[in-house]
Structure formats: C-alpha cells, structure tokens
Amino acid sequence: MYFRRRNSVEGINGYAKDPLYERLEDAGTRRIRGIAAQTLLLAFQLAHANRLELRAWADSIALHDDRPRHRPTRRRKTKPLGTWTPKGYVTRS
C-alpha cells in the first residue's frame, strides 16, 4: 500500500516539475527577490497545481448518476491485426 501512495505522490511531483505545466524547478518563473517572497510564490504555484489535479479528478467521476465530464483520450484508433499483412505473404487466387 505504501508504494502505491508513494507512486501517486511522485507522479504529482513530476507533474508540478514538468516544464510544460507548472515548472516548479525553474526559478525563472518566480522573478522576485527574497526567500520569503520566493516561498510565497512557490506556495501559490503548488496550490494551482493541486487545484488542477483535483479538478481533473472531479471531472473524471460521475456525480448524481451523470456521466463523467472528462475529455476523451487522445490515443489513436488501432486497426485490427487482420486488416494488414506484409507484401508478398498473402496472395489472392
């Protein structure tokens, strides 16, 4: 049980540190002098990341017998394996 919880926490940390999302590791996103000001802005960034994660979670569950409101996955639709064969292996008579 510990490892599942640890993995979920590390996943959220990775999301917060990702350069495409919150960029917490990049101090250039907090251009202000002083450790107290830096800490305060970092707290706001963490709160924003947590809010986005909670909103994504809330949109993925069904409330009051409604369907979940999450966006569909962006995965490609795959073709069945029987629709494609390499050239030269299947001949039609």
C-alpha atoms as a PDB file:
ATOM      1  CA  MET A   1       0.000   0.000   0.000  1.00  0.00           C
ATOM      2  CA  TYR A   2       2.885   2.357   0.759  1.00  0.00           C
ATOM      3  CA  PHE A   3       4.328   2.069  -2.734  1.00  0.00           C
ATOM      4  CA  ARG A   4       1.024   2.898  -4.443  1.00  0.00           C
ATOM      5  CA  ARG A   5       0.661   6.061  -2.414  1.00  0.00           C
ATOM      6  CA  ARG A   6       4.307   6.922  -2.923  1.00  0.00           C
ATOM      7  CA  ASN A   7       3.948   6.481  -6.698  1.00  0.00           C
ATOM      8  CA  SER A   8       0.919   8.763  -6.800  1.00  0.00           C
ATOM      9  CA  VAL A   9       2.755  11.457  -4.825  1.00  0.00           C
ATOM     10  CA  GLU A  10       5.788  11.206  -7.094  1.00  0.00           C
ATOM     11  CA  GLY A  11       3.503  11.418 -10.128  1.00  0.00           C
ATOM     12  CA  ILE A  12       2.016  14.665  -8.857  1.00  0.00           C
ATOM     13  CA  ASN A  13       5.518  15.971  -8.114  1.00  0.00           C
ATOM     14  CA  GLY A  14       6.550  15.107 -11.655  1.00  0.00           C
ATOM     15  CA  TYR A  15       3.513  16.955 -12.998  1.00  0.00           C
ATOM     16  CA  ALA A  16       4.362  20.031 -10.926  1.00  0.00           C
ATOM     17  CA  LYS A  17       8.014  19.992 -12.059  1.00  0.00           C
ATOM     18  CA  ASP A  18       7.213  19.334 -15.728  1.00  0.00           C
ATOM     19  CA  PRO A  19       8.375  22.234 -17.929  1.00  0.00           C
ATOM     20  CA  LEU A  20       5.136  22.075 -19.922  1.00  0.00           C
ATOM     21  CA  TYR A  21       2.885  22.575 -16.889  1.00  0.00           C
ATOM     22  CA  GLU A  22       3.866  24.263 -13.623  1.00  0.00           C
ATOM     23  CA  ARG A  23       7.688  24.462 -13.960  1.00  0.00           C
ATOM     24  CA  LEU A  24       8.378  24.483 -10.223  1.00  0.00           C
ATOM     25  CA  GLU A  25      12.052  23.635 -10.662  1.00  0.00           C
ATOM     26  CA  ASP A  26      12.606  26.685 -12.860  1.00  0.00           C
ATOM     27  CA  ALA A  27      13.220  29.662 -10.565  1.00  0.00           C
ATOM     28  CA  GLY A  28      12.819  31.950 -13.568  1.00  0.00           C
ATOM     29  CA  THR A  29       9.053  31.597 -13.230  1.00  0.00           C
ATOM     30  CA  ARG A  30       9.302  33.449  -9.891  1.00  0.00           C
ATOM     31  CA  ARG A  31      11.217  36.636 -10.705  1.00  0.00           C
ATOM     32  CA  ILE A  32      11.289  38.350  -7.348  1.00  0.00           C
ATOM     33  CA  ARG A  33      13.966  38.934  -4.732  1.00  0.00           C
ATOM     34  CA  GLY A  34      13.939  37.450  -1.267  1.00  0.00           C
ATOM     35  CA  ILE A  35      13.455  33.973   0.100  1.00  0.00           C
ATOM     36  CA  ALA A  36      10.130  34.837   1.754  1.00  0.00           C
ATOM     37  CA  ALA A  37       8.671  36.163  -1.496  1.00  0.00           C
ATOM     38  CA  GLN A  38      10.015  33.139  -3.406  1.00  0.00           C
ATOM     39  CA  THR A  39       8.434  30.806  -0.847  1.00  0.00           C
ATOM     40  CA  LEU A  40       5.099  32.575  -1.069  1.00  0.00           C
ATOM     41  CA  LEU A  41       5.014  32.427  -4.857  1.00  0.00           C
ATOM     42  CA  LEU A  42       6.053  28.771  -4.770  1.00  0.00           C
ATOM     43  CA  ALA A  43       3.141  28.084  -2.406  1.00  0.00           C
ATOM     44  CA  PHE A  44       0.760  29.703  -4.897  1.00  0.00           C
ATOM     45  CA  GLN A  45       2.183  27.597  -7.725  1.00  0.00           C
ATOM     46  CA  LEU A  46       1.746  24.424  -5.682  1.00  0.00           C
ATOM     47  CA  ALA A  47      -1.818  25.400  -4.812  1.00  0.00           C
ATOM     48  CA  HIS A  48      -2.543  25.946  -8.506  1.00  0.00           C
ATOM     49  CA  ALA A  49      -1.091  22.545  -9.439  1.00  0.00           C
ATOM     50  CA  ASN A  50      -3.157  20.874  -6.715  1.00  0.00           C
ATOM     51  CA  ARG A  51      -6.295  22.670  -7.892  1.00  0.00           C
ATOM     52  CA  LEU A  52      -5.763  21.455 -11.460  1.00  0.00           C
ATOM     53  CA  GLU A  53      -5.226  17.883 -10.272  1.00  0.00           C
ATOM     54  CA  LEU A  54      -8.359  17.983  -8.127  1.00  0.00           C
ATOM     55  CA  ARG A  55     -10.410  19.444 -10.963  1.00  0.00           C
ATOM     56  CA  ALA A  56      -9.215  16.695 -13.315  1.00  0.00           C
ATOM     57  CA  TRP A  57     -10.147  14.098 -10.697  1.00  0.00           C
ATOM     58  CA  ALA A  58     -13.582  15.640 -10.110  1.00  0.00           C
ATOM     59  CA  ASP A  59     -14.282  15.714 -13.842  1.00  0.00           C
ATOM     60  CA  SER A  60     -13.421  12.031 -14.139  1.00  0.00           C
ATOM     61  CA  ILE A  61     -16.015  10.780 -11.628  1.00  0.00           C
ATOM     62  CA  ALA A  62     -19.753  10.528 -12.149  1.00  0.00           C
ATOM     63  CA  LEU A  63     -21.989  12.558  -9.847  1.00  0.00           C
ATOM     64  CA  HIS A  64     -25.756  12.202  -9.410  1.00  0.00           C
ATOM     65  CA  ASP A  65     -25.953   9.343 -11.943  1.00  0.00           C
ATOM     66  CA  ASP A  66     -24.451  11.536 -14.673  1.00  0.00           C
ATOM     67  CA  ARG A  67     -21.669  10.569 -16.996  1.00  0.00           C
ATOM     68  CA  PRO A  68     -18.126  11.728 -16.197  1.00  0.00           C
ATOM     69  CA  ARG A  69     -17.187  15.050 -17.790  1.00  0.00           C
ATOM     70  CA  HIS A  70     -13.598  14.205 -18.701  1.00  0.00           C
ATOM     71  CA  ARG A  71     -12.177  14.640 -22.154  1.00  0.00           C
ATOM     72  CA  PRO A  72     -11.731  11.505 -24.233  1.00  0.00           C
ATOM     73  CA  THR A  73      -8.243  10.103 -24.500  1.00  0.00           C
ATOM     74  CA  ARG A  74      -6.085  11.261 -27.368  1.00  0.00           C
ATOM     75  CA  ARG A  75      -4.997   7.764 -28.339  1.00  0.00           C
ATOM     76  CA  ARG A  76      -5.097   6.723 -31.950  1.00  0.00           C
ATOM     77  CA  LYS A  77      -7.651   4.190 -33.040  1.00  0.00           C
ATOM     78  CA  THR A  78      -5.846   0.994 -33.978  1.00  0.00           C
ATOM     79  CA  LYS A  79      -6.800  -1.212 -36.859  1.00  0.00           C
ATOM     80  CA  PRO A  80      -7.457  -4.910 -36.301  1.00  0.00           C
ATOM     81  CA  LEU A  81      -4.424  -7.086 -36.990  1.00  0.00           C
ATOM     82  CA  GLY A  82      -6.220  -8.953 -39.763  1.00  0.00           C
ATOM     83  CA  THR A  83      -6.539  -5.843 -41.940  1.00  0.00           C
ATOM     84  CA  TRP A  84      -2.835  -5.534 -42.667  1.00  0.00           C
ATOM     85  CA  THR A  85      -0.367  -8.091 -43.975  1.00  0.00           C
ATOM     86  CA  PRO A  86       3.148  -7.628 -45.350  1.00  0.00           C
ATOM     87  CA  LYS A  87       3.562  -7.619 -49.108  1.00  0.00           C
ATOM     88  CA  GLY A  88       4.307 -10.965 -50.649  1.00  0.00           C
ATOM     89  CA  TYR A  89       2.959 -13.096 -47.799  1.00  0.00           C
ATOM     90  CA  VAL A  90      -0.682 -13.259 -48.747  1.00  0.00           C
ATOM     91  CA  THR A  91      -1.717 -13.993 -52.287  1.00  0.00           C
ATOM     92  CA  ARG A  92      -5.247 -13.899 -53.561  1.00  0.00           C
ATOM     93  CA  SER A  93      -6.272 -16.501 -56.061  1.00  0.00           C
END
